[in-house]
Amino acid sequence: MWSPSTATNRRTPVTRLAAYDAKHRSQLVETLNAWLDAFGDVPAAAASGRVHPNTFRYRIRRVAEVAGADLRDPSVRFALMLQLRLAAHSPPRPGGPDEEG
């Protein structure tokens, strides 16, 4: 059942990735963004991130694991793209992964 407390505690796949990136100094959000921008073309996305395609494939697998998202599903990919675009245009929230401390 929905309640305000569960709504505010719910984390999106992109916020899970951002929190993971902040904790582990990784680049999973950037990896996902590059992959989506390249329409799933791993060699092109890897080149844009200046990493080897095999490294990029490993990172995409980590994205799917950490985000808990099925990247084979077009609806999921669309939702992730929307979340990324909205996050890029939203101010950081207090206590969010972008805040130091």
PDB file of N, CA and C in Angstrom:
ATOM      1  N   MET A   1       0.837  -1.173   0.000  1.00  0.00           N
ATOM      2  CA  MET A   1       0.000   0.000   0.000  1.00  0.00           C
ATOM      3  C   MET A   1       0.889   1.247   0.000  1.00  0.00           C
ATOM      4  N   TRP A   2       0.460   2.273  -0.712  1.00  0.00           N
ATOM      5  CA  TRP A   2       1.219   3.500  -0.820  1.00  0.00           C
ATOM      6  C   TRP A   2       1.087   4.333   0.444  1.00  0.00           C
ATOM      7  N   SER A   3       2.184   4.944   0.838  1.00  0.00           N
ATOM      8  CA  SER A   3       2.156   5.915   1.926  1.00  0.00           C
ATOM      9  C   SER A   3       3.245   6.934   1.642  1.00  0.00           C
ATOM     10  N   PRO A   4       3.137   8.139   2.228  1.00  0.00           N
ATOM     11  CA  PRO A   4       4.180   9.139   1.977  1.00  0.00           C
ATOM     12  C   PRO A   4       5.566   8.651   2.360  1.00  0.00           C
ATOM     13  N   SER A   5       5.671   7.866   3.425  1.00  0.00           N
ATOM     14  CA  SER A   5       7.007   7.410   3.839  1.00  0.00           C
ATOM     15  C   SER A   5       7.604   6.446   2.833  1.00  0.00           C
ATOM     16  N   THR A   6       6.781   5.548   2.252  1.00  0.00           N
ATOM     17  CA  THR A   6       7.336   4.632   1.251  1.00  0.00           C
ATOM     18  C   THR A   6       7.632   5.363  -0.040  1.00  0.00           C
ATOM     19  N   ALA A   7       6.865   6.381  -0.366  1.00  0.00           N
ATOM     20  CA  ALA A   7       7.113   7.146  -1.591  1.00  0.00           C
ATOM     21  C   ALA A   7       8.419   7.910  -1.496  1.00  0.00           C
ATOM     22  N   THR A   8       8.728   8.476  -0.339  1.00  0.00           N
ATOM     23  CA  THR A   8       9.963   9.238  -0.212  1.00  0.00           C
ATOM     24  C   THR A   8      11.182   8.335  -0.065  1.00  0.00           C
ATOM     25  N   ASN A   9      10.987   7.105   0.402  1.00  0.00           N
ATOM     26  CA  ASN A   9      12.110   6.183   0.569  1.00  0.00           C
ATOM     27  C   ASN A   9      12.392   5.379  -0.696  1.00  0.00           C
ATOM     28  N   ARG A  10      11.494   5.433  -1.656  1.00  0.00           N
ATOM     29  CA  ARG A  10      11.678   4.672  -2.890  1.00  0.00           C
ATOM     30  C   ARG A  10      12.792   5.302  -3.706  1.00  0.00           C
ATOM     31  N   ARG A  11      13.722   4.475  -4.130  1.00  0.00           N
ATOM     32  CA  ARG A  11      14.831   4.965  -4.939  1.00  0.00           C
ATOM     33  C   ARG A  11      14.676   4.451  -6.347  1.00  0.00           C
ATOM     34  N   THR A  12      14.918   5.322  -7.306  1.00  0.00           N
ATOM     35  CA  THR A  12      14.843   4.921  -8.705  1.00  0.00           C
ATOM     36  C   THR A  12      16.135   4.212  -9.087  1.00  0.00           C
ATOM     37  N   PRO A  13      16.123   3.487 -10.196  1.00  0.00           N
ATOM     38  CA  PRO A  13      17.369   2.862 -10.644  1.00  0.00           C
ATOM     39  C   PRO A  13      18.507   3.871 -10.808  1.00  0.00           C
ATOM     40  N   VAL A  14      18.201   5.050 -11.317  1.00  0.00           N
ATOM     41  CA  VAL A  14      19.254   6.050 -11.525  1.00  0.00           C
ATOM     42  C   VAL A  14      19.784   6.569 -10.194  1.00  0.00           C
ATOM     43  N   THR A  15      18.921   6.757  -9.195  1.00  0.00           N
ATOM     44  CA  THR A  15      19.425   7.206  -7.893  1.00  0.00           C
ATOM     45  C   THR A  15      20.251   6.115  -7.226  1.00  0.00           C
ATOM     46  N   ARG A  16      19.888   4.838  -7.451  1.00  0.00           N
ATOM     47  CA  ARG A  16      20.718   3.747  -6.922  1.00  0.00           C
ATOM     48  C   ARG A  16      22.099   3.774  -7.575  1.00  0.00           C
ATOM     49  N   LEU A  17      22.130   4.008  -8.895  1.00  0.00           N
ATOM     50  CA  LEU A  17      23.422   4.084  -9.589  1.00  0.00           C
ATOM     51  C   LEU A  17      24.245   5.263  -9.094  1.00  0.00           C
ATOM     52  N   ALA A  18      23.603   6.414  -8.921  1.00  0.00           N
ATOM     53  CA  ALA A  18      24.319   7.603  -8.454  1.00  0.00           C
ATOM     54  C   ALA A  18      24.879   7.386  -7.048  1.00  0.00           C
ATOM     55  N   ALA A  19      24.115   6.753  -6.185  1.00  0.00           N
ATOM     56  CA  ALA A  19      24.597   6.471  -4.830  1.00  0.00           C
ATOM     57  C   ALA A  19      25.767   5.495  -4.877  1.00  0.00           C
ATOM     58  N   TYR A  20      25.670   4.485  -5.725  1.00  0.00           N
ATOM     59  CA  TYR A  20      26.757   3.516  -5.884  1.00  0.00           C
ATOM     60  C   TYR A  20      28.015   4.218  -6.401  1.00  0.00           C
ATOM     61  N   ASP A  21      27.839   5.069  -7.411  1.00  0.00           N
ATOM     62  CA  ASP A  21      28.971   5.818  -7.957  1.00  0.00           C
ATOM     63  C   ASP A  21      29.649   6.660  -6.878  1.00  0.00           C
ATOM     64  N   ALA A  22      28.853   7.339  -6.066  1.00  0.00           N
ATOM     65  CA  ALA A  22      29.413   8.194  -5.019  1.00  0.00           C
ATOM     66  C   ALA A  22      30.185   7.372  -3.994  1.00  0.00           C
ATOM     67  N   LYS A  23      29.658   6.220  -3.641  1.00  0.00           N
ATOM     68  CA  LYS A  23      30.301   5.384  -2.624  1.00  0.00           C
ATOM     69  C   LYS A  23      31.546   4.682  -3.149  1.00  0.00           C
ATOM     70  N   HIS A  24      31.507   4.243  -4.413  1.00  0.00           N
ATOM     71  CA  HIS A  24      32.588   3.421  -4.963  1.00  0.00           C
ATOM     72  C   HIS A  24      33.469   4.148  -5.974  1.00  0.00           C
ATOM     73  N   ARG A  25      33.202   5.433  -6.173  1.00  0.00           N
ATOM     74  CA  ARG A  25      33.954   6.229  -7.139  1.00  0.00           C
ATOM     75  C   ARG A  25      33.951   5.570  -8.525  1.00  0.00           C
ATOM     76  N   SER A  26      32.780   5.086  -8.900  1.00  0.00           N
ATOM     77  CA  SER A  26      32.627   4.449 -10.212  1.00  0.00           C
ATOM     78  C   SER A  26      31.919   5.408 -11.159  1.00  0.00           C
ATOM     79  N   GLN A  27      31.619   4.936 -12.341  1.00  0.00           N
ATOM     80  CA  GLN A  27      31.023   5.790 -13.375  1.00  0.00           C
ATOM     81  C   GLN A  27      29.846   5.087 -14.037  1.00  0.00           C
ATOM     82  N   LEU A  28      28.994   4.476 -13.224  1.00  0.00           N
ATOM     83  CA  LEU A  28      27.888   3.718 -13.796  1.00  0.00           C
ATOM     84  C   LEU A  28      26.823   4.608 -14.422  1.00  0.00           C
ATOM     85  N   VAL A  29      26.545   5.762 -13.838  1.00  0.00           N
ATOM     86  CA  VAL A  29      25.554   6.674 -14.434  1.00  0.00           C
ATOM     87  C   VAL A  29      26.074   7.151 -15.788  1.00  0.00           C
ATOM     88  N   GLU A  30      27.325   7.525 -15.830  1.00  0.00           N
ATOM     89  CA  GLU A  30      27.933   7.975 -17.092  1.00  0.00           C
ATOM     90  C   GLU A  30      27.922   6.855 -18.126  1.00  0.00           C
ATOM     91  N   THR A  31      28.196   5.642 -17.690  1.00  0.00           N
ATOM     92  CA  THR A  31      28.181   4.478 -18.582  1.00  0.00           C
ATOM     93  C   THR A  31      26.788   4.257 -19.155  1.00  0.00           C
ATOM     94  N   LEU A  32      25.779   4.277 -18.294  1.00  0.00           N
ATOM     95  CA  LEU A  32      24.408   4.093 -18.760  1.00  0.00           C
ATOM     96  C   LEU A  32      24.016   5.184 -19.744  1.00  0.00           C
ATOM     97  N   ASN A  33      24.350   6.401 -19.432  1.00  0.00           N
ATOM     98  CA  ASN A  33      24.018   7.527 -20.307  1.00  0.00           C
ATOM     99  C   ASN A  33      24.667   7.360 -21.686  1.00  0.00           C
ATOM    100  N   ALA A  34      25.935   6.989 -21.706  1.00  0.00           N
ATOM    101  CA  ALA A  34      26.644   6.784 -22.977  1.00  0.00           C
ATOM    102  C   ALA A  34      26.014   5.645 -23.773  1.00  0.00           C
ATOM    103  N   TRP A  35      25.659   4.570 -23.089  1.00  0.00           N
ATOM    104  CA  TRP A  35      25.063   3.406 -23.754  1.00  0.00           C
ATOM    105  C   TRP A  35      23.706   3.754 -24.357  1.00  0.00           C
ATOM    106  N   LEU A  36      22.892   4.476 -23.599  1.00  0.00           N
ATOM    107  CA  LEU A  36      21.580   4.881 -24.113  1.00  0.00           C
ATOM    108  C   LEU A  36      21.721   5.867 -25.269  1.00  0.00           C
ATOM    109  N   ASP A  37      22.656   6.809 -25.147  1.00  0.00           N
ATOM    110  CA  ASP A  37      22.880   7.781 -26.221  1.00  0.00           C
ATOM    111  C   ASP A  37      23.356   7.109 -27.508  1.00  0.00           C
ATOM    112  N   ALA A  38      24.065   5.990 -27.366  1.00  0.00           N
ATOM    113  CA  ALA A  38      24.569   5.248 -28.527  1.00  0.00           C
ATOM    114  C   ALA A  38      23.580   4.169 -28.973  1.00  0.00           C
ATOM    115  N   PHE A  39      22.366   4.181 -28.419  1.00  0.00           N
ATOM    116  CA  PHE A  39      21.324   3.213 -28.772  1.00  0.00           C
ATOM    117  C   PHE A  39      21.797   1.769 -28.596  1.00  0.00           C
ATOM    118  N   GLY A  40      22.593   1.530 -27.542  1.00  0.00           N
ATOM    119  CA  GLY A  40      23.056   0.184 -27.242  1.00  0.00           C
ATOM    120  C   GLY A  40      24.250  -0.276 -28.049  1.00  0.00           C
ATOM    121  N   ASP A  41      24.827   0.596 -28.847  1.00  0.00           N
ATOM    122  CA  ASP A  41      26.009   0.256 -29.656  1.00  0.00           C
ATOM    123  C   ASP A  41      27.240   0.332 -28.751  1.00  0.00           C
ATOM    124  N   VAL A  42      27.682  -0.832 -28.267  1.00  0.00           N
ATOM    125  CA  VAL A  42      28.775  -0.879 -27.292  1.00  0.00           C
ATOM    126  C   VAL A  42      30.072  -0.279 -27.843  1.00  0.00           C
ATOM    127  N   PRO A  43      30.524  -0.631 -29.054  1.00  0.00           N
ATOM    128  CA  PRO A  43      31.771  -0.023 -29.536  1.00  0.00           C
ATOM    129  C   PRO A  43      31.701   1.510 -29.594  1.00  0.00           C
ATOM    130  N   ALA A  44      30.582   2.053 -30.039  1.00  0.00           N
ATOM    131  CA  ALA A  44      30.444   3.518 -30.114  1.00  0.00           C
ATOM    132  C   ALA A  44      30.406   4.131 -28.718  1.00  0.00           C
ATOM    133  N   ALA A  45      29.672   3.515 -27.824  1.00  0.00           N
ATOM    134  CA  ALA A  45      29.584   4.033 -26.451  1.00  0.00           C
ATOM    135  C   ALA A  45      30.937   3.930 -25.748  1.00  0.00           C
ATOM    136  N   ALA A  46      31.633   2.834 -25.970  1.00  0.00           N
ATOM    137  CA  ALA A  46      32.956   2.653 -25.355  1.00  0.00           C
ATOM    138  C   ALA A  46      33.927   3.708 -25.876  1.00  0.00           C
ATOM    139  N   ALA A  47      33.862   3.983 -27.160  1.00  0.00           N
ATOM    140  CA  ALA A  47      34.746   5.000 -27.744  1.00  0.00           C
ATOM    141  C   ALA A  47      34.451   6.372 -27.147  1.00  0.00           C
ATOM    142  N   SER A  48      33.180   6.677 -26.922  1.00  0.00           N
ATOM    143  CA  SER A  48      32.840   7.981 -26.345  1.00  0.00           C
ATOM    144  C   SER A  48      33.345   8.108 -24.914  1.00  0.00           C
ATOM    145  N   GLY A  49      33.441   6.975 -24.225  1.00  0.00           N
ATOM    146  CA  GLY A  49      33.952   6.989 -22.852  1.00  0.00           C
ATOM    147  C   GLY A  49      35.429   6.669 -22.759  1.00  0.00           C
ATOM    148  N   ARG A  50      36.044   6.479 -23.929  1.00  0.00           N
ATOM    149  CA  ARG A  50      37.475   6.176 -24.006  1.00  0.00           C
ATOM    150  C   ARG A  50      37.878   4.963 -23.156  1.00  0.00           C
ATOM    151  N   VAL A  51      37.050   3.909 -23.259  1.00  0.00           N
ATOM    152  CA  VAL A  51      37.375   2.647 -22.594  1.00  0.00           C
ATOM    153  C   VAL A  51      37.279   1.520 -23.613  1.00  0.00           C
ATOM    154  N   HIS A  52      37.879   0.402 -23.299  1.00  0.00           N
ATOM    155  CA  HIS A  52      37.821  -0.770 -24.167  1.00  0.00           C
ATOM    156  C   HIS A  52      36.391  -1.303 -24.178  1.00  0.00           C
ATOM    157  N   PRO A  53      35.913  -1.808 -25.320  1.00  0.00           N
ATOM    158  CA  PRO A  53      34.553  -2.345 -25.379  1.00  0.00           C
ATOM    159  C   PRO A  53      34.261  -3.425 -24.327  1.00  0.00           C
ATOM    160  N   ASN A  54      35.242  -4.263 -24.014  1.00  0.00           N
ATOM    161  CA  ASN A  54      35.008  -5.289 -22.989  1.00  0.00           C
ATOM    162  C   ASN A  54      34.817  -4.664 -21.609  1.00  0.00           C
ATOM    163  N   THR A  55      35.571  -3.615 -21.322  1.00  0.00           N
ATOM    164  CA  THR A  55      35.394  -2.885 -20.060  1.00  0.00           C
ATOM    165  C   THR A  55      33.999  -2.274 -20.016  1.00  0.00           C
ATOM    166  N   PHE A  56      33.580  -1.729 -21.141  1.00  0.00           N
ATOM    167  CA  PHE A  56      32.258  -1.115 -21.211  1.00  0.00           C
ATOM    168  C   PHE A  56      31.167  -2.166 -21.005  1.00  0.00           C
ATOM    169  N   ARG A  57      31.325  -3.337 -21.612  1.00  0.00           N
ATOM    170  CA  ARG A  57      30.344  -4.417 -21.433  1.00  0.00           C
ATOM    171  C   ARG A  57      30.241  -4.816 -19.965  1.00  0.00           C
ATOM    172  N   TYR A  58      31.395  -4.906 -19.292  1.00  0.00           N
ATOM    173  CA  TYR A  58      31.390  -5.228 -17.866  1.00  0.00           C
ATOM    174  C   TYR A  58      30.627  -4.165 -17.090  1.00  0.00           C
ATOM    175  N   ARG A  59      30.874  -2.900 -17.410  1.00  0.00           N
ATOM    176  CA  ARG A  59      30.187  -1.811 -16.704  1.00  0.00           C
ATOM    177  C   ARG A  59      28.688  -1.844 -16.943  1.00  0.00           C
ATOM    178  N   ILE A  60      28.271  -2.166 -18.149  1.00  0.00           N
ATOM    179  CA  ILE A  60      26.834  -2.249 -18.444  1.00  0.00           C
ATOM    180  C   ILE A  60      26.196  -3.384 -17.641  1.00  0.00           C
ATOM    181  N   ARG A  61      26.911  -4.498 -17.497  1.00  0.00           N
ATOM    182  CA  ARG A  61      26.388  -5.579 -16.646  1.00  0.00           C
ATOM    183  C   ARG A  61      26.248  -5.098 -15.205  1.00  0.00           C
ATOM    184  N   ARG A  62      27.216  -4.333 -14.728  1.00  0.00           N
ATOM    185  CA  ARG A  62      27.138  -3.780 -13.364  1.00  0.00           C
ATOM    186  C   ARG A  62      25.976  -2.802 -13.251  1.00  0.00           C
ATOM    187  N   VAL A  63      25.756  -1.991 -14.296  1.00  0.00           N
ATOM    188  CA  VAL A  63      24.612  -1.069 -14.297  1.00  0.00           C
ATOM    189  C   VAL A  63      23.328  -1.854 -14.074  1.00  0.00           C
ATOM    190  N   ALA A  64      23.140  -2.921 -14.841  1.00  0.00           N
ATOM    191  CA  ALA A  64      21.918  -3.721 -14.732  1.00  0.00           C
ATOM    192  C   ALA A  64      21.777  -4.320 -13.330  1.00  0.00           C
ATOM    193  N   GLU A  65      22.884  -4.805 -12.761  1.00  0.00           N
ATOM    194  CA  GLU A  65      22.842  -5.407 -11.426  1.00  0.00           C
ATOM    195  C   GLU A  65      22.528  -4.373 -10.356  1.00  0.00           C
ATOM    196  N   VAL A  66      23.253  -3.279 -10.356  1.00  0.00           N
ATOM    197  CA  VAL A  66      23.094  -2.260  -9.314  1.00  0.00           C
ATOM    198  C   VAL A  66      21.739  -1.566  -9.430  1.00  0.00           C
ATOM    199  N   ALA A  67      21.335  -1.266 -10.647  1.00  0.00           N
ATOM    200  CA  ALA A  67      20.063  -0.573 -10.857  1.00  0.00           C
ATOM    201  C   ALA A  67      18.875  -1.505 -10.679  1.00  0.00           C
ATOM    202  N   GLY A  68      19.112  -2.800 -10.830  1.00  0.00           N
ATOM    203  CA  GLY A  68      18.008  -3.744 -10.785  1.00  0.00           C
ATOM    204  C   GLY A  68      17.096  -3.575 -11.981  1.00  0.00           C
ATOM    205  N   ALA A  69      17.702  -3.346 -13.152  1.00  0.00           N
ATOM    206  CA  ALA A  69      16.939  -3.035 -14.356  1.00  0.00           C
ATOM    207  C   ALA A  69      17.272  -4.027 -15.467  1.00  0.00           C
ATOM    208  N   ASP A  70      16.241  -4.441 -16.192  1.00  0.00           N
ATOM    209  CA  ASP A  70      16.410  -5.304 -17.352  1.00  0.00           C
ATOM    210  C   ASP A  70      16.645  -4.418 -18.570  1.00  0.00           C
ATOM    211  N   LEU A  71      17.891  -4.244 -18.950  1.00  0.00           N
ATOM    212  CA  LEU A  71      18.237  -3.346 -20.046  1.00  0.00           C
ATOM    213  C   LEU A  71      17.800  -3.877 -21.413  1.00  0.00           C
ATOM    214  N   ARG A  72      17.322  -5.110 -21.472  1.00  0.00           N
ATOM    215  CA  ARG A  72      16.805  -5.649 -22.733  1.00  0.00           C
ATOM    216  C   ARG A  72      15.392  -5.150 -23.016  1.00  0.00           C
ATOM    217  N   ASP A  73      14.726  -4.640 -21.996  1.00  0.00           N
ATOM    218  CA  ASP A  73      13.334  -4.198 -22.123  1.00  0.00           C
ATOM    219  C   ASP A  73      13.282  -2.749 -22.608  1.00  0.00           C
ATOM    220  N   PRO A  74      12.679  -2.503 -23.785  1.00  0.00           N
ATOM    221  CA  PRO A  74      12.618  -1.131 -24.317  1.00  0.00           C
ATOM    222  C   PRO A  74      11.931  -0.142 -23.372  1.00  0.00           C
ATOM    223  N   SER A  75      10.917  -0.587 -22.660  1.00  0.00           N
ATOM    224  CA  SER A  75      10.216   0.302 -21.716  1.00  0.00           C
ATOM    225  C   SER A  75      11.130   0.702 -20.562  1.00  0.00           C
ATOM    226  N   VAL A  76      11.937  -0.226 -20.112  1.00  0.00           N
ATOM    227  CA  VAL A  76      12.892   0.064 -19.040  1.00  0.00           C
ATOM    228  C   VAL A  76      13.935   1.055 -19.541  1.00  0.00           C
ATOM    229  N   ARG A  77      14.444   0.830 -20.741  1.00  0.00           N
ATOM    230  CA  ARG A  77      15.434   1.759 -21.300  1.00  0.00           C
ATOM    231  C   ARG A  77      14.848   3.166 -21.435  1.00  0.00           C
ATOM    232  N   PHE A  78      13.607   3.253 -21.884  1.00  0.00           N
ATOM    233  CA  PHE A  78      12.947   4.554 -22.017  1.00  0.00           C
ATOM    234  C   PHE A  78      12.813   5.226 -20.648  1.00  0.00           C
ATOM    235  N   ALA A  79      12.394   4.470 -19.644  1.00  0.00           N
ATOM    236  CA  ALA A  79      12.255   5.019 -18.291  1.00  0.00           C
ATOM    237  C   ALA A  79      13.598   5.494 -17.747  1.00  0.00           C
ATOM    238  N   LEU A  80      14.645   4.725 -17.992  1.00  0.00           N
ATOM    239  CA  LEU A  80      15.978   5.125 -17.534  1.00  0.00           C
ATOM    240  C   LEU A  80      16.434   6.399 -18.227  1.00  0.00           C
ATOM    241  N   MET A  81      16.170   6.501 -19.518  1.00  0.00           N
ATOM    242  CA  MET A  81      16.555   7.704 -20.246  1.00  0.00           C
ATOM    243  C   MET A  81      15.825   8.927 -19.681  1.00  0.00           C
ATOM    244  N   LEU A  82      14.539   8.762 -19.388  1.00  0.00           N
ATOM    245  CA  LEU A  82      13.783   9.870 -18.790  1.00  0.00           C
ATOM    246  C   LEU A  82      14.346  10.258 -17.427  1.00  0.00           C
ATOM    247  N   GLN A  83      14.645   9.259 -16.607  1.00  0.00           N
ATOM    248  CA  GLN A  83      15.210   9.538 -15.283  1.00  0.00           C
ATOM    249  C   GLN A  83      16.535  10.283 -15.396  1.00  0.00           C
ATOM    250  N   LEU A  84      17.370   9.873 -16.333  1.00  0.00           N
ATOM    251  CA  LEU A  84      18.657  10.547 -16.527  1.00  0.00           C
ATOM    252  C   LEU A  84      18.461  11.996 -16.963  1.00  0.00           C
ATOM    253  N   ARG A  85      17.545  12.210 -17.902  1.00  0.00           N
ATOM    254  CA  ARG A  85      17.305  13.575 -18.397  1.00  0.00           C
ATOM    255  C   ARG A  85      16.722  14.460 -17.299  1.00  0.00           C
ATOM    256  N   LEU A  86      15.785  13.921 -16.528  1.00  0.00           N
ATOM    257  CA  LEU A  86      15.199  14.695 -15.432  1.00  0.00           C
ATOM    258  C   LEU A  86      16.239  15.005 -14.357  1.00  0.00           C
ATOM    259  N   ALA A  87      17.075  14.037 -14.049  1.00  0.00           N
ATOM    260  CA  ALA A  87      18.108  14.248 -13.034  1.00  0.00           C
ATOM    261  C   ALA A  87      19.103  15.304 -13.492  1.00  0.00           C
ATOM    262  N   ALA A  88      19.379  15.360 -14.786  1.00  0.00           N
ATOM    263  CA  ALA A  88      20.331  16.345 -15.311  1.00  0.00           C
ATOM    264  C   ALA A  88      19.795  17.766 -15.203  1.00  0.00           C
ATOM    265  N   HIS A  89      18.475  17.903 -15.149  1.00  0.00           N
ATOM    266  CA  HIS A  89      17.863  19.230 -15.108  1.00  0.00           C
ATOM    267  C   HIS A  89      17.260  19.568 -13.750  1.00  0.00           C
ATOM    268  N   SER A  90      17.534  18.749 -12.749  1.00  0.00           N
ATOM    269  CA  SER A  90      17.004  18.995 -11.409  1.00  0.00           C
ATOM    270  C   SER A  90      18.133  19.414 -10.481  1.00  0.00           C
ATOM    271  N   PRO A  91      17.849  20.328  -9.556  1.00  0.00           N
ATOM    272  CA  PRO A  91      18.882  20.688  -8.582  1.00  0.00           C
ATOM    273  C   PRO A  91      19.128  19.505  -7.639  1.00  0.00           C
ATOM    274  N   PRO A  92      20.332  19.354  -7.117  1.00  0.00           N
ATOM    275  CA  PRO A  92      20.610  18.264  -6.185  1.00  0.00           C
ATOM    276  C   PRO A  92      19.769  18.407  -4.922  1.00  0.00           C
ATOM    277  N   ARG A  93      19.302  17.271  -4.401  1.00  0.00           N
ATOM    278  CA  ARG A  93      18.513  17.277  -3.164  1.00  0.00           C
ATOM    279  C   ARG A  93      19.450  17.190  -1.973  1.00  0.00           C
ATOM    280  N   PRO A  94      19.098  17.846  -0.852  1.00  0.00           N
ATOM    281  CA  PRO A  94      19.919  17.733   0.355  1.00  0.00           C
ATOM    282  C   PRO A  94      20.020  16.271   0.779  1.00  0.00           C
ATOM    283  N   GLY A  95      21.238  15.840   1.088  1.00  0.00           N
ATOM    284  CA  GLY A  95      21.458  14.478   1.506  1.00  0.00           C
ATOM    285  C   GLY A  95      21.554  13.493   0.359  1.00  0.00           C
ATOM    286  N   GLY A  96      21.501  14.007  -0.882  1.00  0.00           N
ATOM    287  CA  GLY A  96      21.567  13.153  -2.059  1.00  0.00           C
ATOM    288  C   GLY A  96      22.998  12.718  -2.330  1.00  0.00           C
ATOM    289  N   PRO A  97      23.210  11.885  -3.330  1.00  0.00           N
ATOM    290  CA  PRO A  97      24.545  11.370  -3.600  1.00  0.00           C
ATOM    291  C   PRO A  97      25.540  12.447  -4.032  1.00  0.00           C
ATOM    292  N   ASP A  98      25.042  13.616  -4.498  1.00  0.00           N
ATOM    293  CA  ASP A  98      25.945  14.676  -4.920  1.00  0.00           C
ATOM    294  C   ASP A  98      26.443  15.525  -3.777  1.00  0.00           C
ATOM    295  N   GLU A  99      25.835  15.384  -2.616  1.00  0.00           N
ATOM    296  CA  GLU A  99      26.204  16.216  -1.473  1.00  0.00           C
ATOM    297  C   GLU A  99      27.356  15.582  -0.720  1.00  0.00           C
ATOM    298  N   GLU A 100      28.360  16.373  -0.415  1.00  0.00           N
ATOM    299  CA  GLU A 100      29.502  15.884   0.338  1.00  0.00           C
ATOM    300  C   GLU A 100      29.184  15.934   1.825  1.00  0.00           C
ATOM    301  N   GLY A 101      29.866  15.075   2.559  1.00  0.00           N
ATOM    302  CA  GLY A 101      29.688  15.161   4.007  1.00  0.00           C
ATOM    303  C   GLY A 101      29.496  13.913   4.667  1.00  0.00           C
TER     304      GLY A 101
END
